[in-house]
């Protein structure tokens, strides 16, 4: 079973945050400051450590958005009565003399 890139990336981000929070726990500061430190450290770490998974997730999102756009254009063409979605619409055709 293949895990989607968005799931891998999200779980890795959560794991990095939990690891950073565990490392920040012994600091002699308030809980909110510990969590803030953990958030900053995990964000910076994920920028470098999860670069490949972030790229995979972006490519997957880009691919699905392109497919949705193509499907949307196909549906618009079908609703307009055009057989070819790339054909010019009635307003774009030159008028007969």
Protein backbone atom coordinates (compact mmCIF):
# COMPACT_ATOMS: atom_id res chain seq x y z
CA UNK A 1 0.00 0.00 0.00
CA UNK A 2 1.41 3.36 -1.08
CA UNK A 3 1.12 6.24 1.39
CA UNK A 4 0.17 9.56 -0.26
CA UNK A 5 2.91 12.20 -0.12
CA UNK A 6 0.67 14.66 1.78
CA UNK A 7 0.12 12.08 4.52
CA UNK A 8 3.85 11.28 4.79
CA UNK A 9 4.74 14.97 4.96
CA UNK A 10 2.06 15.82 7.51
CA UNK A 11 2.94 12.92 9.80
CA UNK A 12 6.64 13.78 9.54
CA UNK A 13 5.90 17.42 10.47
CA UNK A 14 3.91 16.28 13.50
CA UNK A 15 6.71 13.88 14.47
CA UNK A 16 9.32 16.63 14.20
CA UNK A 17 7.20 18.90 16.37
CA UNK A 18 6.76 16.20 19.01
CA UNK A 19 10.51 15.49 18.98
CA UNK A 20 11.32 19.20 19.33
CA UNK A 21 8.76 19.53 22.14
CA UNK A 22 10.32 16.59 23.96
CA UNK A 23 13.76 18.17 23.62
CA UNK A 24 12.44 21.54 24.83
CA UNK A 25 10.62 20.03 27.82
CA UNK A 26 13.51 20.26 30.31
CA UNK A 27 14.05 23.98 29.59
CA UNK A 28 13.30 26.16 32.65
CA UNK A 29 10.69 28.30 30.84
CA UNK A 30 6.92 28.53 30.64
CA UNK A 31 4.97 25.83 28.75
CA UNK A 32 3.81 28.25 26.06
CA UNK A 33 7.40 29.30 25.38
CA UNK A 34 8.48 25.64 25.18
CA UNK A 35 5.78 24.99 22.58
CA UNK A 36 6.77 28.10 20.65
CA UNK A 37 10.42 27.01 20.64
CA UNK A 38 9.35 23.53 19.50
CA UNK A 39 7.26 25.02 16.67
CA UNK A 40 10.12 27.18 15.41
CA UNK A 41 12.71 24.41 15.66
CA UNK A 42 10.46 21.86 13.94
CA UNK A 43 9.61 24.33 11.15
CA UNK A 44 13.26 25.02 10.41
CA UNK A 45 14.12 21.32 10.63
CA UNK A 46 11.28 20.35 8.30
CA UNK A 47 12.42 22.95 5.76
CA UNK A 48 15.70 21.06 5.38
CA UNK A 49 14.84 17.47 6.31
CA UNK A 50 11.50 17.12 4.50
CA UNK A 51 12.37 18.93 1.27
CA UNK A 52 11.90 15.84 -0.93
CA UNK A 53 8.53 14.92 0.55
CA UNK A 54 7.36 18.54 0.28
CA UNK A 55 8.31 18.47 -3.41
CA UNK A 56 6.44 15.20 -3.93
CA UNK A 57 3.37 16.64 -2.22
CA UNK A 58 3.53 19.78 -4.37
CA UNK A 59 3.82 17.72 -7.55
CA UNK A 60 0.82 15.62 -6.54
CA UNK A 61 -1.26 18.72 -5.81
CA UNK A 62 -0.19 20.31 -9.11
CA UNK A 63 -1.12 17.15 -11.02
CA UNK A 64 -4.57 16.94 -9.40
CA UNK A 65 -5.21 20.65 -10.02
CA UNK A 66 -4.34 20.23 -13.71
CA UNK A 67 -6.72 17.28 -13.95
CA UNK A 68 -9.49 19.28 -12.25
CA UNK A 69 -8.93 22.21 -14.62
CA UNK A 70 -9.10 19.94 -17.66
CA UNK A 71 -12.29 18.32 -16.35
CA UNK A 72 -13.79 21.75 -15.67
CA UNK A 73 -13.03 22.92 -19.23
CA UNK A 74 -14.50 19.71 -20.63
CA UNK A 75 -17.67 20.21 -18.58
CA UNK A 76 -17.98 23.86 -19.65
CA UNK A 77 -17.59 22.87 -23.29
CA UNK A 78 -20.24 20.17 -22.91
CA UNK A 79 -22.65 22.60 -21.26
CA UNK A 80 -22.04 25.18 -24.00
CA UNK A 81 -22.76 22.57 -26.66
CA UNK A 82 -19.27 22.57 -28.15
CA UNK A 83 -17.81 19.25 -29.19
CA UNK A 84 -14.27 20.58 -29.06
CA UNK A 85 -13.33 22.40 -25.84
CA UNK A 86 -10.55 24.23 -27.72
CA UNK A 87 -12.88 25.53 -30.44
CA UNK A 88 -13.71 29.23 -30.25
CA UNK A 89 -17.08 30.11 -28.76
CA UNK A 90 -19.90 31.69 -30.80
CA UNK A 91 -18.80 35.21 -29.77
CA UNK A 92 -15.29 34.56 -31.11
CA UNK A 93 -16.35 33.45 -34.60
CA UNK A 94 -16.16 36.00 -37.38
CA UNK A 95 -19.51 37.32 -38.60
CA UNK A 96 -20.67 36.42 -42.11
CA UNK A 97 -20.69 39.36 -44.58
